[in-house]
Amino acid sequence: MSDSIFELVDNLPEKNLTTMMLNSLDNIVPGEWENTVGFVNTIRKVTGEDDEDLIQQIGDRAVWLYNDKSQGYRRAMWLYQTVDRTDKALGTAALANKVGNKIPLVGGLLTRVTPNPDKAQALDLSIKLVVELVAFCQINGIPGDSIGDFVGALSDYSGESLMRMAALVCVDGLIPLGPDFLLKAQSTLSGIGPKDLESNSTFKEVEESIPGGNTKGKLDFIGESFDSVKGWMSDFVASKNLDPQKVMNNLQGFLEFSDNKLDYVAAFIDMSTNYYEHTGTQTLARRLIERAFDEI
């Protein structure tokens, strides 16, 4: 977390597996996401300004706001980065589980030490959703348990924020868990206890940021959050006529795989992309620049 916001935006890649994956989903939310990179370039895009002195002032103010520890911007950035980092471990574990099932000699050992893929993916989806909620609260300076405010804001999501939610539904919901991913996730949440949550690597990293007090309270908060947002996700899937096959057809723009390998694709995407961090950096930059511009 030592990098400044302008370094983070300047270092965003113009093209890699993450951007290729996001571009492949463009027709699901057409025209919403553009891979804007570079801090000065982002200031120009967001404000429409071309006066160099004003751009410098906006940039300086945005950097100051990001570094102000009384604000929630740095915490939101850490959350976006952390869920992507733990995603790589999830993908590796899921792949190990699949390999274990294919190779009898090592299968027993691998499947004993790796988590159940569906259960792990359902928890990952649920925790990622809560991270989005908490990061939203941090960015907007409101209490971290403001579920209603977050749900209300989802209807106004656009740009990189809407693309992040679209990717969450597609590559963390439909691809690994199938068309009934909402039911699977809710069933998983209702069927686990605090000890199950404590053994989840993503939860262990971000648990201090999740409201609820103890683990039981945090599990309840995750369940309540998911229950509150499932309507938006269900409407999103219905309005876009989404199913796993349609998402796979989009992803075949940058990946080659057979249709019966959905679980492998999900593991590969977890291991090789960081769409939460990438679009999260762009969201933070936009919010900081908009606020700095208004204040100046």
Protein backbone atom coordinates (compact mmCIF):
# COMPACT_ATOMS: atom_id res chain seq x y z
CA MET A 1 0.00 0.00 0.00
CA SER A 2 3.02 2.28 -0.33
CA ASP A 3 2.19 3.29 -3.91
CA SER A 4 0.40 6.59 -4.39
CA ILE A 5 -2.82 6.74 -6.37
CA PHE A 6 -1.10 8.32 -9.37
CA GLU A 7 1.46 5.48 -9.43
CA LEU A 8 -1.28 2.88 -9.22
CA VAL A 9 -3.17 4.44 -12.14
CA ASP A 10 0.01 5.04 -14.15
CA ASN A 11 0.96 1.37 -13.71
CA LEU A 12 -2.36 -0.05 -14.90
CA PRO A 13 -1.69 -2.28 -17.92
CA GLU A 14 -3.11 -1.27 -21.27
CA LYS A 15 -3.43 -4.89 -22.33
CA ASN A 16 -3.14 -8.13 -20.41
CA LEU A 17 -5.35 -11.11 -19.57
CA THR A 18 -7.45 -8.99 -17.22
CA THR A 19 -8.23 -6.31 -19.80
CA MET A 20 -8.84 -8.97 -22.46
CA MET A 21 -11.30 -10.71 -20.17
CA LEU A 22 -13.11 -7.45 -19.39
CA ASN A 23 -13.22 -6.48 -23.06
CA SER A 24 -14.73 -9.87 -23.87
CA LEU A 25 -17.65 -8.98 -21.57
CA ASP A 26 -18.19 -5.57 -23.19
CA ASN A 27 -21.33 -6.54 -25.06
CA ILE A 28 -22.98 -7.46 -21.75
CA VAL A 29 -22.64 -3.84 -20.58
CA PRO A 30 -21.88 -2.15 -23.91
CA GLY A 31 -20.00 1.10 -23.83
CA GLU A 32 -19.68 1.17 -20.05
CA TRP A 33 -15.99 0.37 -19.66
CA GLU A 34 -12.99 1.94 -21.29
CA ASN A 35 -9.54 0.95 -20.10
CA THR A 36 -8.37 4.42 -19.16
CA VAL A 37 -4.81 4.30 -17.85
CA GLY A 38 -2.43 7.01 -16.70
CA PHE A 39 -3.29 9.48 -13.95
CA VAL A 40 -3.10 12.67 -16.02
CA ASN A 41 -5.01 11.02 -18.84
CA THR A 42 -7.70 9.96 -16.35
CA ILE A 43 -8.00 13.54 -15.05
CA ARG A 44 -8.51 14.76 -18.62
CA LYS A 45 -11.14 12.08 -19.29
CA VAL A 46 -13.07 12.65 -16.06
CA THR A 47 -13.05 16.47 -16.02
CA GLY A 48 -12.77 17.34 -19.70
CA GLU A 49 -10.11 19.90 -18.73
CA ASP A 50 -6.94 20.52 -20.70
CA ASP A 51 -5.45 23.40 -18.69
CA GLU A 52 -2.15 22.04 -17.38
CA ASP A 53 -2.12 24.15 -14.21
CA LEU A 54 -5.65 23.10 -13.29
CA ILE A 55 -4.85 19.45 -14.05
CA GLN A 56 -1.85 19.71 -11.71
CA GLN A 57 -4.01 21.18 -8.95
CA ILE A 58 -6.64 18.48 -9.36
CA GLY A 59 -3.96 15.79 -9.29
CA ASP A 60 -2.28 17.21 -6.20
CA ARG A 61 -5.61 17.43 -4.36
CA ALA A 62 -6.60 13.87 -5.38
CA VAL A 63 -3.26 12.54 -4.10
CA TRP A 64 -3.73 14.41 -0.82
CA LEU A 65 -7.22 13.02 -0.36
CA TYR A 66 -6.02 9.48 -1.06
CA ASN A 67 -3.22 9.82 1.49
CA ASP A 68 -5.48 11.31 4.17
CA LYS A 69 -5.90 8.45 6.68
CA SER A 70 -9.16 9.91 7.96
CA GLN A 71 -10.66 9.09 4.54
CA GLY A 72 -11.47 5.56 3.39
CA TYR A 73 -9.82 5.58 -0.02
CA ARG A 74 -6.66 3.66 0.87
CA ARG A 75 -8.69 1.06 2.76
CA ALA A 76 -10.93 0.56 -0.25
CA MET A 77 -7.87 0.09 -2.47
CA TRP A 78 -6.47 -2.48 -0.06
CA LEU A 79 -9.75 -4.40 -0.17
CA TYR A 80 -9.80 -4.50 -3.97
CA GLN A 81 -6.20 -5.70 -4.05
CA THR A 82 -6.67 -8.28 -1.31
CA VAL A 83 -9.63 -10.16 -2.82
CA ASP A 84 -7.73 -10.52 -6.08
CA ARG A 85 -4.64 -11.79 -4.30
CA THR A 86 -6.61 -14.46 -2.44
CA ASP A 87 -8.44 -15.32 -5.67
CA LYS A 88 -5.18 -16.68 -7.07
CA ALA A 89 -4.92 -19.08 -4.14
CA LEU A 90 -8.55 -20.10 -4.65
CA GLY A 91 -7.92 -20.83 -8.34
CA THR A 92 -4.83 -22.86 -7.52
CA ALA A 93 -6.72 -24.88 -4.90
CA ALA A 94 -9.66 -25.49 -7.24
CA LEU A 95 -7.31 -26.67 -9.97
CA ALA A 96 -5.53 -28.96 -7.53
CA ASN A 97 -8.88 -30.45 -6.55
CA LYS A 98 -9.70 -31.13 -10.20
CA VAL A 99 -6.30 -32.70 -10.82
CA GLY A 100 -6.73 -34.79 -7.69
CA ASN A 101 -9.95 -36.24 -9.05
CA LYS A 102 -8.24 -37.20 -12.31
CA ILE A 103 -5.11 -38.86 -10.91
CA PRO A 104 -5.86 -41.81 -8.61
CA LEU A 105 -2.38 -42.00 -7.12
CA VAL A 106 -2.50 -38.49 -5.69
CA GLY A 107 -6.24 -37.87 -5.83
CA GLY A 108 -7.01 -38.92 -2.29
CA LEU A 109 -4.41 -36.59 -0.82
CA LEU A 110 -5.22 -33.57 -2.98
CA THR A 111 -8.97 -33.77 -2.54
CA ARG A 112 -8.55 -34.08 1.22
CA VAL A 113 -6.37 -30.97 1.53
CA THR A 114 -8.15 -28.77 -1.02
CA PRO A 115 -11.58 -27.20 -0.40
CA ASN A 116 -14.77 -28.27 -2.11
CA PRO A 117 -14.74 -26.13 -5.28
CA ASP A 118 -18.45 -25.22 -5.28
CA LYS A 119 -18.42 -24.31 -1.60
CA ALA A 120 -15.21 -22.29 -1.99
CA GLN A 121 -16.52 -20.49 -5.08
CA ALA A 122 -19.86 -19.70 -3.43
CA LEU A 123 -18.07 -18.23 -0.42
CA ASP A 124 -15.69 -16.33 -2.69
CA LEU A 125 -18.62 -14.79 -4.57
CA SER A 126 -20.35 -13.81 -1.32
CA ILE A 127 -17.25 -12.31 0.28
CA LYS A 128 -16.35 -10.42 -2.89
CA LEU A 129 -19.82 -8.91 -2.89
CA VAL A 130 -19.40 -7.79 0.72
CA VAL A 131 -15.99 -6.33 -0.14
CA GLU A 132 -17.67 -4.28 -2.87
CA LEU A 133 -20.22 -3.08 -0.32
CA VAL A 134 -17.59 -2.17 2.29
CA ALA A 135 -15.35 -0.47 -0.30
CA PHE A 136 -18.37 1.54 -1.52
CA CYS A 137 -18.98 2.70 2.05
CA GLN A 138 -15.30 3.58 2.53
CA ILE A 139 -15.18 5.60 -0.68
CA ASN A 140 -18.37 7.48 0.15
CA GLY A 141 -17.57 8.06 3.82
CA ILE A 142 -20.60 6.24 5.21
CA PRO A 143 -20.81 3.46 7.84
CA GLY A 144 -19.58 0.09 6.59
CA ASP A 145 -22.84 -1.67 7.37
CA SER A 146 -24.95 0.58 5.14
CA ILE A 147 -26.47 -2.22 3.08
CA GLY A 148 -29.48 -0.15 2.04
CA ASP A 149 -27.34 2.69 0.69
CA PHE A 150 -25.27 0.24 -1.33
CA VAL A 151 -28.29 -1.55 -2.80
CA GLY A 152 -29.81 1.81 -3.69
CA ALA A 153 -26.61 2.91 -5.39
CA LEU A 154 -26.35 -0.22 -7.54
CA SER A 155 -29.03 1.10 -9.88
CA ASP A 156 -26.73 4.05 -10.60
CA TYR A 157 -23.58 1.99 -11.09
CA SER A 158 -21.87 2.74 -14.38
CA GLY A 159 -18.48 2.63 -16.05
CA GLU A 160 -15.79 0.57 -14.39
CA SER A 161 -17.97 -0.04 -11.31
CA LEU A 162 -20.75 -1.63 -13.38
CA MET A 163 -18.18 -3.65 -15.31
CA ARG A 164 -16.79 -4.97 -12.02
CA MET A 165 -20.24 -6.13 -10.93
CA ALA A 166 -20.90 -7.63 -14.36
CA ALA A 167 -17.65 -9.59 -14.13
CA LEU A 168 -18.54 -10.70 -10.61
CA VAL A 169 -21.86 -12.11 -11.82
CA CYS A 170 -20.32 -13.73 -14.91
CA VAL A 171 -16.94 -15.13 -13.90
CA ASP A 172 -17.49 -15.61 -10.16
CA GLY A 173 -21.14 -16.61 -10.38
CA LEU A 174 -22.36 -18.12 -13.66
CA ILE A 175 -19.14 -19.77 -14.85
CA PRO A 176 -18.11 -21.68 -11.70
CA LEU A 177 -21.57 -22.25 -10.16
CA GLY A 178 -23.96 -22.42 -13.11
CA PRO A 179 -27.30 -20.73 -13.82
CA ASP A 180 -28.55 -21.31 -10.27
CA PHE A 181 -25.49 -19.63 -8.74
CA LEU A 182 -27.63 -17.42 -6.49
CA LEU A 183 -29.35 -20.43 -4.94
CA LYS A 184 -26.04 -22.25 -4.53
CA ALA A 185 -24.41 -19.28 -2.82
CA GLN A 186 -27.36 -18.72 -0.52
CA SER A 187 -27.51 -22.43 0.32
CA THR A 188 -23.81 -22.41 1.12
CA LEU A 189 -24.15 -19.41 3.40
CA SER A 190 -27.09 -20.92 5.26
CA GLY A 191 -25.33 -24.26 5.62
CA ILE A 192 -22.01 -23.17 7.12
CA GLY A 193 -20.96 -22.04 10.56
CA PRO A 194 -18.33 -19.66 11.94
CA LYS A 195 -15.58 -22.32 11.77
CA ASP A 196 -16.18 -22.81 8.04
CA LEU A 197 -15.89 -19.07 7.50
CA GLU A 198 -12.73 -18.84 9.59
CA SER A 199 -11.07 -21.47 7.39
CA ASN A 200 -11.70 -19.42 4.24
CA SER A 201 -8.52 -17.67 3.11
CA THR A 202 -10.29 -14.63 1.65
CA PHE A 203 -12.32 -14.08 4.80
CA LYS A 204 -9.22 -14.34 6.99
CA GLU A 205 -7.61 -11.52 5.02
CA VAL A 206 -10.55 -9.10 5.08
CA GLU A 207 -12.47 -10.08 8.23
CA GLU A 208 -11.45 -6.96 10.16
CA SER A 209 -13.21 -4.82 7.55
CA ILE A 210 -16.47 -6.79 7.65
CA PRO A 211 -19.07 -5.52 10.14
CA GLY A 212 -20.56 -7.87 12.67
CA GLY A 213 -18.26 -8.08 15.68
CA ASN A 214 -17.47 -11.79 16.04
CA THR A 215 -17.34 -14.40 13.27
CA LYS A 216 -20.98 -15.38 13.75
CA GLY A 217 -22.02 -11.74 13.39
CA LYS A 218 -19.85 -11.34 10.28
CA LEU A 219 -21.36 -14.48 8.75
CA ASP A 220 -24.83 -13.05 9.41
CA PHE A 221 -23.80 -9.76 7.80
CA ILE A 222 -22.46 -11.57 4.72
CA GLY A 223 -25.73 -13.49 4.47
CA GLU A 224 -27.84 -10.36 4.91
CA SER A 225 -25.78 -8.50 2.31
CA PHE A 226 -26.08 -11.30 -0.22
CA ASP A 227 -29.80 -11.63 0.39
CA SER A 228 -30.22 -7.87 -0.17
CA VAL A 229 -28.27 -7.83 -3.45
CA LYS A 230 -29.49 -11.10 -4.99
CA GLY A 231 -32.51 -9.29 -6.44
CA TRP A 232 -30.25 -6.88 -8.33
CA MET A 233 -28.08 -9.77 -9.57
CA SER A 234 -31.12 -11.80 -10.62
CA ASP A 235 -32.56 -8.82 -12.52
CA PHE A 236 -29.16 -8.19 -14.13
CA VAL A 237 -28.94 -11.79 -15.35
CA ALA A 238 -32.53 -11.70 -16.66
CA SER A 239 -32.22 -8.30 -18.36
CA LYS A 240 -29.02 -9.35 -20.14
CA ASN A 241 -30.38 -12.84 -20.92
CA LEU A 242 -27.26 -14.34 -19.35
CA ASP A 243 -26.38 -17.97 -18.86
CA PRO A 244 -23.05 -19.82 -18.57
CA GLN A 245 -22.97 -20.62 -22.30
CA LYS A 246 -23.42 -16.99 -23.33
CA VAL A 247 -20.63 -15.92 -20.98
CA MET A 248 -18.41 -18.71 -22.28
CA ASN A 249 -19.08 -17.59 -25.86
CA ASN A 250 -17.88 -14.12 -24.91
CA LEU A 251 -14.79 -15.43 -23.13
CA GLN A 252 -13.82 -17.48 -26.18
CA GLY A 253 -12.68 -14.19 -27.64
CA PHE A 254 -9.51 -14.52 -25.61
CA LEU A 255 -9.53 -18.11 -24.31
CA GLU A 256 -9.70 -21.44 -26.07
CA PHE A 257 -11.39 -24.26 -24.21
CA SER A 258 -14.00 -26.95 -24.61
CA ASP A 259 -17.55 -26.36 -23.46
CA ASN A 260 -17.38 -28.95 -20.68
CA LYS A 261 -14.51 -27.26 -18.86
CA LEU A 262 -16.36 -24.48 -17.04
CA ASP A 263 -14.71 -25.31 -13.72
CA TYR A 264 -11.22 -25.16 -15.24
CA VAL A 265 -12.01 -21.81 -16.86
CA ALA A 266 -13.17 -20.38 -13.54
CA ALA A 267 -9.96 -21.56 -11.84
CA PHE A 268 -7.81 -20.14 -14.65
CA ILE A 269 -9.53 -16.74 -14.47
CA ASP A 270 -9.07 -16.66 -10.68
CA MET A 271 -5.37 -17.43 -11.09
CA SER A 272 -4.57 -15.14 -14.00
CA THR A 273 -6.70 -11.99 -13.67
CA ASN A 274 -7.17 -9.18 -11.15
CA TYR A 275 -10.30 -7.45 -12.41
CA TYR A 276 -11.32 -6.26 -8.93
CA GLU A 277 -8.03 -4.44 -8.41
CA HIS A 278 -7.88 -3.11 -11.98
CA THR A 279 -11.39 -1.67 -12.11
CA GLY A 280 -11.24 -0.76 -8.41
CA THR A 281 -8.19 1.42 -9.08
CA GLN A 282 -10.10 3.13 -11.88
CA THR A 283 -13.15 3.64 -9.66
CA LEU A 284 -11.05 5.19 -6.91
CA ALA A 285 -9.21 7.44 -9.34
CA ARG A 286 -12.51 8.66 -10.79
CA ARG A 287 -14.06 9.37 -7.37
CA LEU A 288 -10.93 11.16 -6.12
CA ILE A 289 -10.64 13.26 -9.27
CA GLU A 290 -14.35 14.19 -9.20
CA ARG A 291 -14.09 15.23 -5.57
CA ALA A 292 -10.85 17.14 -6.10
CA PHE A 293 -12.34 18.94 -9.12
CA ASP A 294 -15.45 19.92 -7.15
CA GLU A 295 -13.36 21.21 -4.23
CA ILE A 296 -11.10 23.27 -6.48
